[in-house]
Amino acid sequence: MSSVKGRFRSVGQEHLEGDLVEESSPLFGLVWTNPDRVGGAPCFFGTRVPVRILFDYVCDGAPIEEFVTNYPPISREEAEEVLRLAESRLLSRDRAA
């Protein structure tokens, strides 16, 4: 069975079946989304940890360290990369509008 290397962890090819994030997307290897996994919520790649939880922590004023301590599969670097990507995508849409 082959595996697919994400930015922070690898998963078996079979786990990508039904995934909605294309390999050409900047999200690939960082976030995955599948209607059959966690109700279709975007999750950190290779986990069942919804990305929304990170945003909830940030909005509540909690430090990233608290998030990564409570969700040990996720590293600080991975959480920061998701935040940077969200910022980048939002700002690029703002410039396009």
Foldseek 3Di string as FASTA:
>chain_A
DDWDAAPQGIGRPVVCVQWPDDPPDPCGSQWTFHCVALNRAIAGPPDSHHLVVLVVCVVVVHDVVVVCVVVVVDDSVSNVVVVVVVVVVVVVVVVVD
